[in-house]
Amino acid sequence: MKLSLPQVLDSTMIVDFRSCPQRFYDRYVLNLTGKDKSGDLIAGGAIAAALEVVRLGVYLDGKTVEQSLVGAYRAFTKEWGSFVPQETSAKQFGRCWEAVEQYFKTYPPKIDELQPLKTQDGKPFVEFSFACPLPINHPETNEPFLYVGRFDLLGEWMGKLVVSDEKTTGQMGSNWVYQWDLRNQFMGYCWGAQHYGYKCNDALIRCICILKKDIKLAQAPAHFPDWMLKRFEQQLVRDIQKMIEHWETDTWDWNFGNACTEYGGCAYRDLCVSTRPEVWYKHYNRAKWNPIERSHDPLPPAFFSDPDLPQFQVDALEALHEKQSSATEGTTEK
């Protein structure tokens, strides 16, 4: 049975494909996900939910920040759920909530240089979503691929129309402000806003850096002229063409480079170091990424594991892998 190729794509999916087609296959075609959700994603999601509630409270309902923080705390707590971070992590519940309060002390909504655009009925463009058809059709449906995205705010800053998004991190180096000028995510936000009729060529990225003993805030502008946004779309189409070729031939390339080890290591490493990757499918959940809702839709357990593989072989392969993993711990790339 041939598995389906996603028709709706977002920046994360495209960047994953560029980084390693095999990871794209594992994550978005096989729909394999880790057993546990990333603590960074949980903390970032809780902070984002709180910021949204405060902005809507101030800009739409006319509340004060203090009044809006009451509802924001409820949203923050709901998003956080029962997650218990490691003791060594700076992103503890209380520290992350403190970051929300610090954000609005640094950027008071009423006098913030960044102000949201509003619709004719007064609704602010907070959590701006877009879904744009691309000039390339899906091989199964013969309908256009869709490129989608959602950013925190569409507004005006320093006399410019900007897309704005917050980034939550645990470190912020001296080069943080210089890393956005070629970032696919923000090019896509401007490109999407232009498709909806907003002449936007600029982004404002705000950083919330959560440390154990401090909370740091910073912001950085990025400019994307029209020729760059055109290049973005052309590259996007070429990437999808390559994606279709991989899907049609059922051959997905490996990176064999930095993608295997960056950000703490690829979640699909076990599959790539095994001659029988299907043995490892049972160690993953299955959920289909919904880029429009930005959520995972649960799926039945992996149906492509090999039922004919004797259990003693499975046990032997797992034992061998554990031995290999232990032998390589602490080594560094030269």
C-alpha atoms as a PDB file:
ATOM      1  CA  MET A   1       0.000   0.000   0.000  1.00  0.00           C
ATOM      2  CA  LYS A   2       1.423   3.362  -1.037  1.00  0.00           C
ATOM      3  CA  LEU A   3       1.278   5.986   1.672  1.00  0.00           C
ATOM      4  CA  SER A   4      -0.054   9.454   0.885  1.00  0.00           C
ATOM      5  CA  LEU A   5       2.069  12.526   0.368  1.00  0.00           C
ATOM      6  CA  PRO A   6       0.905  15.541   2.412  1.00  0.00           C
ATOM      7  CA  GLN A   7      -0.869  18.146   0.316  1.00  0.00           C
ATOM      8  CA  VAL A   8      -0.868  20.910   2.926  1.00  0.00           C
ATOM      9  CA  LEU A   9       2.628  22.086   3.831  1.00  0.00           C
ATOM     10  CA  ASP A  10       4.085  24.583   6.280  1.00  0.00           C
ATOM     11  CA  SER A  11       7.535  25.992   6.949  1.00  0.00           C
ATOM     12  CA  THR A  12       8.548  23.268   9.406  1.00  0.00           C
ATOM     13  CA  MET A  13       7.697  20.536   6.900  1.00  0.00           C
ATOM     14  CA  ILE A  14       9.602  22.240   4.086  1.00  0.00           C
ATOM     15  CA  VAL A  15      12.667  22.863   6.238  1.00  0.00           C
ATOM     16  CA  ASP A  16      12.565  19.243   7.426  1.00  0.00           C
ATOM     17  CA  PHE A  17      12.525  18.065   3.809  1.00  0.00           C
ATOM     18  CA  ARG A  18      15.433  20.309   2.854  1.00  0.00           C
ATOM     19  CA  SER A  19      17.372  19.166   5.889  1.00  0.00           C
ATOM     20  CA  CYS A  20      16.762  15.448   5.375  1.00  0.00           C
ATOM     21  CA  PRO A  21      14.177  13.863   3.022  1.00  0.00           C
ATOM     22  CA  GLN A  22      14.274  10.667   5.080  1.00  0.00           C
ATOM     23  CA  ARG A  23      13.213  12.598   8.191  1.00  0.00           C
ATOM     24  CA  PHE A  24      10.370  14.135   6.197  1.00  0.00           C
ATOM     25  CA  TYR A  25       9.292  10.629   5.185  1.00  0.00           C
ATOM     26  CA  ASP A  26       9.404   9.313   8.751  1.00  0.00           C
ATOM     27  CA  ARG A  27       7.609  12.299  10.219  1.00  0.00           C
ATOM     28  CA  TYR A  28       5.006  13.258   7.612  1.00  0.00           C
ATOM     29  CA  VAL A  29       4.470  10.196   5.401  1.00  0.00           C
ATOM     30  CA  LEU A  30       4.806   7.427   7.964  1.00  0.00           C
ATOM     31  CA  ASN A  31       3.432   9.904  10.548  1.00  0.00           C
ATOM     32  CA  LEU A  32       5.729   8.654  13.310  1.00  0.00           C
ATOM     33  CA  THR A  33       6.003  10.850  16.384  1.00  0.00           C
ATOM     34  CA  GLY A  34       7.859  10.629  19.667  1.00  0.00           C
ATOM     35  CA  LYS A  35       6.225   9.166  22.740  1.00  0.00           C
ATOM     36  CA  ASP A  36       6.544  12.444  24.639  1.00  0.00           C
ATOM     37  CA  LYS A  37       5.976  15.999  23.509  1.00  0.00           C
ATOM     38  CA  SER A  38       8.999  18.277  23.690  1.00  0.00           C
ATOM     39  CA  GLY A  39       9.195  20.332  26.874  1.00  0.00           C
ATOM     40  CA  ASP A  40      10.323  23.327  24.821  1.00  0.00           C
ATOM     41  CA  LEU A  41       7.199  23.061  22.680  1.00  0.00           C
ATOM     42  CA  ILE A  42       4.960  22.803  25.744  1.00  0.00           C
ATOM     43  CA  ALA A  43       6.523  25.856  27.382  1.00  0.00           C
ATOM     44  CA  GLY A  44       6.477  27.831  24.138  1.00  0.00           C
ATOM     45  CA  GLY A  45       2.862  26.906  23.477  1.00  0.00           C
ATOM     46  CA  ALA A  46       1.770  27.944  26.968  1.00  0.00           C
ATOM     47  CA  ILE A  47       3.511  31.324  26.667  1.00  0.00           C
ATOM     48  CA  ALA A  48       2.042  31.908  23.190  1.00  0.00           C
ATOM     49  CA  ALA A  49      -1.475  31.138  24.430  1.00  0.00           C
ATOM     50  CA  ALA A  50      -1.087  33.614  27.287  1.00  0.00           C
ATOM     51  CA  LEU A  51       0.246  36.381  25.023  1.00  0.00           C
ATOM     52  CA  GLU A  52      -2.677  35.927  22.645  1.00  0.00           C
ATOM     53  CA  VAL A  53      -5.258  36.216  25.437  1.00  0.00           C
ATOM     54  CA  VAL A  54      -3.704  39.427  26.758  1.00  0.00           C
ATOM     55  CA  ARG A  55      -3.528  41.011  23.320  1.00  0.00           C
ATOM     56  CA  LEU A  56      -7.146  40.211  22.538  1.00  0.00           C
ATOM     57  CA  GLY A  57      -8.188  41.436  25.982  1.00  0.00           C
ATOM     58  CA  VAL A  58      -6.444  44.794  25.505  1.00  0.00           C
ATOM     59  CA  TYR A  59      -6.917  45.428  21.792  1.00  0.00           C
ATOM     60  CA  LEU A  60     -10.376  43.908  21.328  1.00  0.00           C
ATOM     61  CA  ASP A  61     -12.145  43.992  24.691  1.00  0.00           C
ATOM     62  CA  GLY A  62     -10.607  47.196  26.065  1.00  0.00           C
ATOM     63  CA  LYS A  63      -9.319  45.535  29.249  1.00  0.00           C
ATOM     64  CA  THR A  64      -6.185  46.464  31.132  1.00  0.00           C
ATOM     65  CA  VAL A  65      -3.166  44.191  31.055  1.00  0.00           C
ATOM     66  CA  GLU A  66      -3.823  43.227  34.671  1.00  0.00           C
ATOM     67  CA  GLN A  67      -7.400  42.227  33.871  1.00  0.00           C
ATOM     68  CA  SER A  68      -6.314  40.291  30.785  1.00  0.00           C
ATOM     69  CA  LEU A  69      -3.645  38.384  32.682  1.00  0.00           C
ATOM     70  CA  VAL A  70      -6.381  36.593  34.657  1.00  0.00           C
ATOM     71  CA  GLY A  71      -7.667  34.856  31.534  1.00  0.00           C
ATOM     72  CA  ALA A  72      -4.139  34.486  30.222  1.00  0.00           C
ATOM     73  CA  TYR A  73      -3.157  32.489  33.302  1.00  0.00           C
ATOM     74  CA  ARG A  74      -6.031  30.081  32.698  1.00  0.00           C
ATOM     75  CA  ALA A  75      -4.965  29.623  29.073  1.00  0.00           C
ATOM     76  CA  PHE A  76      -1.338  29.200  30.135  1.00  0.00           C
ATOM     77  CA  THR A  77      -2.252  26.541  32.704  1.00  0.00           C
ATOM     78  CA  LYS A  78      -4.429  24.656  30.226  1.00  0.00           C
ATOM     79  CA  GLU A  79      -1.666  24.544  27.612  1.00  0.00           C
ATOM     80  CA  TRP A  80       0.920  23.517  30.194  1.00  0.00           C
ATOM     81  CA  GLY A  81      -1.230  20.619  31.385  1.00  0.00           C
ATOM     82  CA  SER A  82       0.409  18.030  33.612  1.00  0.00           C
ATOM     83  CA  PHE A  83       3.888  18.502  32.155  1.00  0.00           C
ATOM     84  CA  VAL A  84       6.701  18.304  34.724  1.00  0.00           C
ATOM     85  CA  PRO A  85      10.020  19.596  33.340  1.00  0.00           C
ATOM     86  CA  GLN A  86      13.360  18.234  34.413  1.00  0.00           C
ATOM     87  CA  GLU A  87      14.812  19.920  37.478  1.00  0.00           C
ATOM     88  CA  THR A  88      17.783  21.132  35.439  1.00  0.00           C
ATOM     89  CA  SER A  89      15.547  22.973  32.969  1.00  0.00           C
ATOM     90  CA  ALA A  90      15.122  26.727  33.278  1.00  0.00           C
ATOM     91  CA  LYS A  91      11.661  26.438  31.736  1.00  0.00           C
ATOM     92  CA  GLN A  92       9.744  25.697  34.911  1.00  0.00           C
ATOM     93  CA  PHE A  93       6.066  26.594  35.224  1.00  0.00           C
ATOM     94  CA  GLY A  94       6.630  29.616  37.451  1.00  0.00           C
ATOM     95  CA  ARG A  95       9.574  30.928  35.466  1.00  0.00           C
ATOM     96  CA  CYS A  96       7.668  30.724  32.179  1.00  0.00           C
ATOM     97  CA  TRP A  97       4.685  32.558  33.666  1.00  0.00           C
ATOM     98  CA  GLU A  98       7.075  35.183  34.972  1.00  0.00           C
ATOM     99  CA  ALA A  99       8.272  35.599  31.371  1.00  0.00           C
ATOM    100  CA  VAL A 100       4.704  36.419  30.293  1.00  0.00           C
ATOM    101  CA  GLU A 101       4.416  39.131  32.928  1.00  0.00           C
ATOM    102  CA  GLN A 102       7.861  40.480  32.072  1.00  0.00           C
ATOM    103  CA  TYR A 103       6.950  40.637  28.387  1.00  0.00           C
ATOM    104  CA  PHE A 104       4.081  43.044  28.985  1.00  0.00           C
ATOM    105  CA  LYS A 105       6.117  45.143  31.382  1.00  0.00           C
ATOM    106  CA  THR A 106       8.712  45.557  28.641  1.00  0.00           C
ATOM    107  CA  TYR A 107       6.181  45.971  25.834  1.00  0.00           C
ATOM    108  CA  PRO A 108       3.024  47.548  27.343  1.00  0.00           C
ATOM    109  CA  PRO A 109       0.349  46.973  24.646  1.00  0.00           C
ATOM    110  CA  LYS A 110      -1.133  50.476  24.748  1.00  0.00           C
ATOM    111  CA  ILE A 111       2.207  52.209  24.113  1.00  0.00           C
ATOM    112  CA  ASP A 112       4.094  49.419  22.337  1.00  0.00           C
ATOM    113  CA  GLU A 113       5.760  50.588  19.111  1.00  0.00           C
ATOM    114  CA  LEU A 114       4.228  47.463  17.580  1.00  0.00           C
ATOM    115  CA  GLN A 115       0.483  47.912  17.097  1.00  0.00           C
ATOM    116  CA  PRO A 116      -1.828  45.429  15.343  1.00  0.00           C
ATOM    117  CA  LEU A 117      -3.805  46.264  12.237  1.00  0.00           C
ATOM    118  CA  LYS A 118      -7.541  46.031  12.752  1.00  0.00           C
ATOM    119  CA  THR A 119     -10.434  44.998  10.567  1.00  0.00           C
ATOM    120  CA  GLN A 120     -13.276  47.430   9.821  1.00  0.00           C
ATOM    121  CA  ASP A 121     -15.206  46.015  12.770  1.00  0.00           C
ATOM    122  CA  GLY A 122     -12.251  46.647  15.082  1.00  0.00           C
ATOM    123  CA  LYS A 123     -10.894  43.122  15.441  1.00  0.00           C
ATOM    124  CA  PRO A 124      -7.085  43.091  15.733  1.00  0.00           C
ATOM    125  CA  PHE A 125      -4.980  40.868  13.502  1.00  0.00           C
ATOM    126  CA  VAL A 126      -3.741  38.690  16.342  1.00  0.00           C
ATOM    127  CA  GLU A 127      -2.831  35.107  15.330  1.00  0.00           C
ATOM    128  CA  PHE A 128      -2.950  35.770  11.575  1.00  0.00           C
ATOM    129  CA  SER A 129      -3.453  32.588   9.515  1.00  0.00           C
ATOM    130  CA  PHE A 130      -3.097  32.031   5.781  1.00  0.00           C
ATOM    131  CA  ALA A 131      -3.473  29.156   3.309  1.00  0.00           C
ATOM    132  CA  CYS A 132      -2.245  29.812  -0.231  1.00  0.00           C
ATOM    133  CA  PRO A 133      -2.398  27.539  -3.305  1.00  0.00           C
ATOM    134  CA  LEU A 134       0.877  26.908  -5.109  1.00  0.00           C
ATOM    135  CA  PRO A 135       1.447  26.575  -8.884  1.00  0.00           C
ATOM    136  CA  ILE A 136       2.074  22.832  -8.613  1.00  0.00           C
ATOM    137  CA  ASN A 137      -0.495  20.056  -8.259  1.00  0.00           C
ATOM    138  CA  HIS A 138      -0.538  17.107  -5.913  1.00  0.00           C
ATOM    139  CA  PRO A 139       0.105  13.796  -7.746  1.00  0.00           C
ATOM    140  CA  GLU A 140      -2.841  12.017  -6.108  1.00  0.00           C
ATOM    141  CA  THR A 141      -5.569  14.668  -6.048  1.00  0.00           C
ATOM    142  CA  ASN A 142      -4.445  16.800  -9.008  1.00  0.00           C
ATOM    143  CA  GLU A 143      -5.318  19.809  -6.852  1.00  0.00           C
ATOM    144  CA  PRO A 144      -2.781  22.511  -5.919  1.00  0.00           C
ATOM    145  CA  PHE A 145      -0.499  22.042  -2.955  1.00  0.00           C
ATOM    146  CA  LEU A 146      -1.281  24.523  -0.164  1.00  0.00           C
ATOM    147  CA  TYR A 147       1.318  26.447   1.787  1.00  0.00           C
ATOM    148  CA  VAL A 148      -0.005  27.522   5.174  1.00  0.00           C
ATOM    149  CA  GLY A 149       1.211  29.456   8.172  1.00  0.00           C
ATOM    150  CA  ARG A 150       0.202  31.371  11.265  1.00  0.00           C
ATOM    151  CA  PHE A 151       2.050  34.157  13.006  1.00  0.00           C
ATOM    152  CA  ASP A 152       1.387  36.119  16.157  1.00  0.00           C
ATOM    153  CA  LEU A 153       0.470  39.536  14.802  1.00  0.00           C
ATOM    154  CA  LEU A 154       0.152  41.629  11.644  1.00  0.00           C
ATOM    155  CA  GLY A 155       0.735  45.261  12.497  1.00  0.00           C
ATOM    156  CA  GLU A 156       2.724  48.448  12.177  1.00  0.00           C
ATOM    157  CA  TRP A 157       6.151  49.020  13.669  1.00  0.00           C
ATOM    158  CA  MET A 158       8.364  52.064  13.072  1.00  0.00           C
ATOM    159  CA  GLY A 159       6.174  53.130  10.145  1.00  0.00           C
ATOM    160  CA  LYS A 160       6.344  49.702   8.464  1.00  0.00           C
ATOM    161  CA  LEU A 161       3.785  46.970   7.965  1.00  0.00           C
ATOM    162  CA  VAL A 162       5.266  43.882   9.639  1.00  0.00           C
ATOM    163  CA  VAL A 163       4.540  40.284  10.473  1.00  0.00           C
ATOM    164  CA  SER A 164       5.547  39.637  14.061  1.00  0.00           C
ATOM    165  CA  ASP A 165       6.239  36.443  15.941  1.00  0.00           C
ATOM    166  CA  GLU A 166       7.705  35.559  19.331  1.00  0.00           C
ATOM    167  CA  LYS A 167      10.486  33.021  19.787  1.00  0.00           C
ATOM    168  CA  THR A 168      11.010  31.315  23.137  1.00  0.00           C
ATOM    169  CA  THR A 169      14.522  30.054  23.808  1.00  0.00           C
ATOM    170  CA  GLY A 170      16.888  28.985  26.559  1.00  0.00           C
ATOM    171  CA  GLN A 171      19.860  30.889  25.193  1.00  0.00           C
ATOM    172  CA  MET A 172      20.449  34.021  23.167  1.00  0.00           C
ATOM    173  CA  GLY A 173      23.917  34.524  21.747  1.00  0.00           C
ATOM    174  CA  SER A 174      25.426  37.737  20.459  1.00  0.00           C
ATOM    175  CA  ASN A 175      24.484  36.815  16.881  1.00  0.00           C
ATOM    176  CA  TRP A 176      20.814  36.244  17.640  1.00  0.00           C
ATOM    177  CA  VAL A 177      19.674  39.407  15.844  1.00  0.00           C
ATOM    178  CA  TYR A 178      21.472  38.431  12.632  1.00  0.00           C
ATOM    179  CA  GLN A 179      19.915  35.009  12.007  1.00  0.00           C
ATOM    180  CA  TRP A 180      16.589  35.992  10.449  1.00  0.00           C
ATOM    181  CA  ASP A 181      17.360  37.628   7.082  1.00  0.00           C
ATOM    182  CA  LEU A 182      17.215  34.309   5.224  1.00  0.00           C
ATOM    183  CA  ARG A 183      14.796  32.441   7.474  1.00  0.00           C
ATOM    184  CA  ASN A 184      12.219  30.482   5.462  1.00  0.00           C
ATOM    185  CA  GLN A 185       9.593  30.868   8.175  1.00  0.00           C
ATOM    186  CA  PHE A 186       9.490  34.667   8.020  1.00  0.00           C
ATOM    187  CA  MET A 187       9.818  34.891   4.263  1.00  0.00           C
ATOM    188  CA  GLY A 188       6.762  32.648   4.147  1.00  0.00           C
ATOM    189  CA  TYR A 189       4.855  34.869   6.561  1.00  0.00           C
ATOM    190  CA  CYS A 190       5.451  37.939   4.383  1.00  0.00           C
ATOM    191  CA  TRP A 191       4.668  35.971   1.229  1.00  0.00           C
ATOM    192  CA  GLY A 192       1.416  34.716   2.788  1.00  0.00           C
ATOM    193  CA  ALA A 193       0.398  38.189   3.950  1.00  0.00           C
ATOM    194  CA  GLN A 194       0.981  39.528   0.428  1.00  0.00           C
ATOM    195  CA  HIS A 195      -1.278  36.823  -0.995  1.00  0.00           C
ATOM    196  CA  TYR A 196      -4.010  38.212   1.244  1.00  0.00           C
ATOM    197  CA  GLY A 197      -3.489  41.709  -0.128  1.00  0.00           C
ATOM    198  CA  TYR A 198      -1.170  43.180   2.524  1.00  0.00           C
ATOM    199  CA  LYS A 199       1.964  44.757   1.077  1.00  0.00           C
ATOM    200  CA  CYS A 200       4.322  43.410   3.707  1.00  0.00           C
ATOM    201  CA  ASN A 201       8.052  42.972   3.238  1.00  0.00           C
ATOM    202  CA  ASP A 202       9.194  43.145   6.862  1.00  0.00           C
ATOM    203  CA  ALA A 203       9.176  40.981   9.948  1.00  0.00           C
ATOM    204  CA  LEU A 204       9.742  41.744  13.621  1.00  0.00           C
ATOM    205  CA  ILE A 205      11.011  38.829  15.664  1.00  0.00           C
ATOM    206  CA  ARG A 206      10.831  39.060  19.441  1.00  0.00           C
ATOM    207  CA  CYS A 207      12.857  36.760  21.639  1.00  0.00           C
ATOM    208  CA  ILE A 208      11.860  35.562  25.097  1.00  0.00           C
ATOM    209  CA  CYS A 209      14.977  34.025  26.621  1.00  0.00           C
ATOM    210  CA  ILE A 210      14.275  32.086  29.806  1.00  0.00           C
ATOM    211  CA  LEU A 211      17.280  31.488  32.026  1.00  0.00           C
ATOM    212  CA  LYS A 212      17.426  30.046  35.530  1.00  0.00           C
ATOM    213  CA  LYS A 213      18.239  33.389  37.118  1.00  0.00           C
ATOM    214  CA  ASP A 214      17.084  35.852  34.505  1.00  0.00           C
ATOM    215  CA  ILE A 215      14.616  36.550  31.710  1.00  0.00           C
ATOM    216  CA  LYS A 216      15.927  38.437  28.705  1.00  0.00           C
ATOM    217  CA  LEU A 217      13.892  40.043  25.941  1.00  0.00           C
ATOM    218  CA  ALA A 218      15.139  41.249  22.575  1.00  0.00           C
ATOM    219  CA  GLN A 219      13.780  42.045  19.145  1.00  0.00           C
ATOM    220  CA  ALA A 220      15.172  41.978  15.622  1.00  0.00           C
ATOM    221  CA  PRO A 221      13.787  43.265  12.302  1.00  0.00           C
ATOM    222  CA  ALA A 222      14.186  41.424   8.989  1.00  0.00           C
ATOM    223  CA  HIS A 223      13.503  42.737   5.494  1.00  0.00           C
ATOM    224  CA  PHE A 224      12.431  40.626   2.514  1.00  0.00           C
ATOM    225  CA  PRO A 225      12.190  42.569  -0.775  1.00  0.00           C
ATOM    226  CA  ASP A 226       9.800  41.396  -3.484  1.00  0.00           C
ATOM    227  CA  TRP A 227      12.548  39.693  -5.491  1.00  0.00           C
ATOM    228  CA  MET A 228      13.439  37.593  -2.442  1.00  0.00           C
ATOM    229  CA  LEU A 229       9.825  36.581  -1.887  1.00  0.00           C
ATOM    230  CA  LYS A 230       9.644  35.563  -5.549  1.00  0.00           C
ATOM    231  CA  ARG A 231      12.781  33.481  -5.047  1.00  0.00           C
ATOM    232  CA  PHE A 232      11.151  31.959  -1.961  1.00  0.00           C
ATOM    233  CA  GLU A 233       8.152  30.791  -4.014  1.00  0.00           C
ATOM    234  CA  GLN A 234      10.317  29.421  -6.825  1.00  0.00           C
ATOM    235  CA  GLN A 235      12.440  27.471  -4.361  1.00  0.00           C
ATOM    236  CA  LEU A 236       9.314  26.178  -2.639  1.00  0.00           C
ATOM    237  CA  VAL A 237       7.999  24.786  -5.934  1.00  0.00           C
ATOM    238  CA  ARG A 238      11.345  23.157  -6.749  1.00  0.00           C
ATOM    239  CA  ASP A 239      11.427  21.517  -3.331  1.00  0.00           C
ATOM    240  CA  ILE A 240       7.933  20.114  -3.847  1.00  0.00           C
ATOM    241  CA  GLN A 241       8.939  18.776  -7.263  1.00  0.00           C
ATOM    242  CA  LYS A 242      11.784  16.905  -5.578  1.00  0.00           C
ATOM    243  CA  MET A 243       9.360  15.733  -2.893  1.00  0.00           C
ATOM    244  CA  ILE A 244       7.070  14.274  -5.553  1.00  0.00           C
ATOM    245  CA  GLU A 245      10.013  12.476  -7.182  1.00  0.00           C
ATOM    246  CA  HIS A 246      10.934  10.890  -3.861  1.00  0.00           C
ATOM    247  CA  TRP A 247       7.338   9.836  -3.282  1.00  0.00           C
ATOM    248  CA  GLU A 248       6.826   8.408  -6.773  1.00  0.00           C
ATOM    249  CA  THR A 249      10.018   6.331  -6.631  1.00  0.00           C
ATOM    250  CA  ASP A 250       9.684   5.567  -2.898  1.00  0.00           C
ATOM    251  CA  THR A 251      13.320   6.522  -2.382  1.00  0.00           C
ATOM    252  CA  TRP A 252      13.981   9.103   0.328  1.00  0.00           C
ATOM    253  CA  ASP A 253      17.522  10.421   0.651  1.00  0.00           C
ATOM    254  CA  TRP A 254      19.486  10.510   3.912  1.00  0.00           C
ATOM    255  CA  ASN A 255      21.402  13.564   5.069  1.00  0.00           C
ATOM    256  CA  PHE A 256      24.286  11.804   6.867  1.00  0.00           C
ATOM    257  CA  GLY A 257      25.402  15.117   8.332  1.00  0.00           C
ATOM    258  CA  ASN A 258      24.469  17.794  10.825  1.00  0.00           C
ATOM    259  CA  ALA A 259      20.757  17.011  10.609  1.00  0.00           C
ATOM    260  CA  CYS A 260      21.443  13.754  12.460  1.00  0.00           C
ATOM    261  CA  THR A 261      22.881  15.457  15.548  1.00  0.00           C
ATOM    262  CA  GLU A 262      21.640  19.062  15.736  1.00  0.00           C
ATOM    263  CA  TYR A 263      19.143  20.165  18.399  1.00  0.00           C
ATOM    264  CA  GLY A 264      19.917  17.208  20.631  1.00  0.00           C
ATOM    265  CA  GLY A 265      19.819  14.606  17.859  1.00  0.00           C
ATOM    266  CA  CYS A 266      17.222  13.475  15.332  1.00  0.00           C
ATOM    267  CA  ALA A 267      14.212  11.675  16.794  1.00  0.00           C
ATOM    268  CA  TYR A 268      14.429   9.081  14.005  1.00  0.00           C
ATOM    269  CA  ARG A 269      18.050   8.067  14.504  1.00  0.00           C
ATOM    270  CA  ASP A 270      17.085   4.545  15.581  1.00  0.00           C
ATOM    271  CA  LEU A 271      15.468   3.961  12.199  1.00  0.00           C
ATOM    272  CA  CYS A 272      18.498   5.142  10.267  1.00  0.00           C
ATOM    273  CA  VAL A 273      21.081   3.012  12.090  1.00  0.00           C
ATOM    274  CA  SER A 274      19.054  -0.170  11.609  1.00  0.00           C
ATOM    275  CA  THR A 275      18.874  -2.470   8.586  1.00  0.00           C
ATOM    276  CA  ARG A 276      15.294  -3.204   9.615  1.00  0.00           C
ATOM    277  CA  PRO A 277      13.801   0.170  10.563  1.00  0.00           C
ATOM    278  CA  GLU A 278      10.321  -1.343  10.810  1.00  0.00           C
ATOM    279  CA  VAL A 279      11.462  -3.080  13.992  1.00  0.00           C
ATOM    280  CA  TRP A 280      11.574   0.319  15.688  1.00  0.00           C
ATOM    281  CA  TYR A 281       8.155   1.584  14.615  1.00  0.00           C
ATOM    282  CA  LYS A 282       6.587   0.259  17.803  1.00  0.00           C
ATOM    283  CA  HIS A 283       8.682   2.743  19.798  1.00  0.00           C
ATOM    284  CA  TYR A 284       6.833   5.647  18.172  1.00  0.00           C
ATOM    285  CA  ASN A 285       3.312   6.918  18.307  1.00  0.00           C
ATOM    286  CA  ARG A 286       1.487   7.707  15.086  1.00  0.00           C
ATOM    287  CA  ALA A 287      -0.169  11.067  14.524  1.00  0.00           C
ATOM    288  CA  LYS A 288      -0.737  13.124  11.400  1.00  0.00           C
ATOM    289  CA  TRP A 289       0.551  16.688  11.599  1.00  0.00           C
ATOM    290  CA  ASN A 290      -2.221  19.185  10.784  1.00  0.00           C
ATOM    291  CA  PRO A 291      -0.386  22.358   9.724  1.00  0.00           C
ATOM    292  CA  ILE A 292      -3.588  24.401   9.565  1.00  0.00           C
ATOM    293  CA  GLU A 293      -4.621  23.651  13.147  1.00  0.00           C
ATOM    294  CA  ARG A 294      -0.988  23.237  14.240  1.00  0.00           C
ATOM    295  CA  SER A 295      -1.817  20.042  16.050  1.00  0.00           C
ATOM    296  CA  HIS A 296      -1.357  16.292  15.716  1.00  0.00           C
ATOM    297  CA  ASP A 297      -4.334  14.103  14.821  1.00  0.00           C
ATOM    298  CA  PRO A 298      -3.848  10.665  16.461  1.00  0.00           C
ATOM    299  CA  LEU A 299      -3.666   7.627  14.166  1.00  0.00           C
ATOM    300  CA  PRO A 300      -3.805   3.868  14.831  1.00  0.00           C
ATOM    301  CA  PRO A 301      -0.545   2.172  15.819  1.00  0.00           C
ATOM    302  CA  ALA A 302       2.014   1.460  13.120  1.00  0.00           C
ATOM    303  CA  PHE A 303       0.480  -0.951  10.613  1.00  0.00           C
ATOM    304  CA  PHE A 304       3.643  -1.489   8.599  1.00  0.00           C
ATOM    305  CA  SER A 305       5.717  -3.421  11.146  1.00  0.00           C
ATOM    306  CA  ASP A 306       6.876  -6.846  10.011  1.00  0.00           C
ATOM    307  CA  PRO A 307       4.659  -9.512  11.631  1.00  0.00           C
ATOM    308  CA  ASP A 308       6.860 -12.308  10.235  1.00  0.00           C
ATOM    309  CA  LEU A 309       9.998 -11.208  12.041  1.00  0.00           C
ATOM    310  CA  PRO A 310      10.561 -13.638  14.935  1.00  0.00           C
ATOM    311  CA  GLN A 311      10.574 -12.022  18.359  1.00  0.00           C
ATOM    312  CA  PHE A 312      14.054 -13.377  19.153  1.00  0.00           C
ATOM    313  CA  GLN A 313      15.389 -11.449  16.134  1.00  0.00           C
ATOM    314  CA  VAL A 314      13.638  -8.307  17.307  1.00  0.00           C
ATOM    315  CA  ASP A 315      15.185  -8.722  20.777  1.00  0.00           C
ATOM    316  CA  ALA A 316      18.618  -9.345  19.274  1.00  0.00           C
ATOM    317  CA  LEU A 317      18.437  -6.270  17.046  1.00  0.00           C
ATOM    318  CA  GLU A 318      17.346  -4.082  19.952  1.00  0.00           C
ATOM    319  CA  ALA A 319      20.139  -5.422  22.177  1.00  0.00           C
ATOM    320  CA  LEU A 320      22.693  -4.770  19.423  1.00  0.00           C
ATOM    321  CA  HIS A 321      21.440  -1.237  18.956  1.00  0.00           C
ATOM    322  CA  GLU A 322      21.604  -0.503  22.687  1.00  0.00           C
ATOM    323  CA  LYS A 323      25.188  -1.809  22.744  1.00  0.00           C
ATOM    324  CA  GLN A 324      26.130   0.383  19.767  1.00  0.00           C
ATOM    325  CA  SER A 325      24.472   3.439  21.324  1.00  0.00           C
ATOM    326  CA  SER A 326      26.328   2.931  24.617  1.00  0.00           C
ATOM    327  CA  ALA A 327      29.626   2.580  22.791  1.00  0.00           C
ATOM    328  CA  THR A 328      29.175   5.893  20.963  1.00  0.00           C
ATOM    329  CA  GLU A 329      28.008   7.978  23.942  1.00  0.00           C
ATOM    330  CA  GLY A 330      30.324  10.885  24.652  1.00  0.00           C
ATOM    331  CA  THR A 331      31.984  10.843  21.246  1.00  0.00           C
ATOM    332  CA  THR A 332      32.144  14.039  19.171  1.00  0.00           C
ATOM    333  CA  GLU A 333      32.247  14.633  15.451  1.00  0.00           C
ATOM    334  CA  LYS A 334      35.680  15.475  14.056  1.00  0.00           C
END
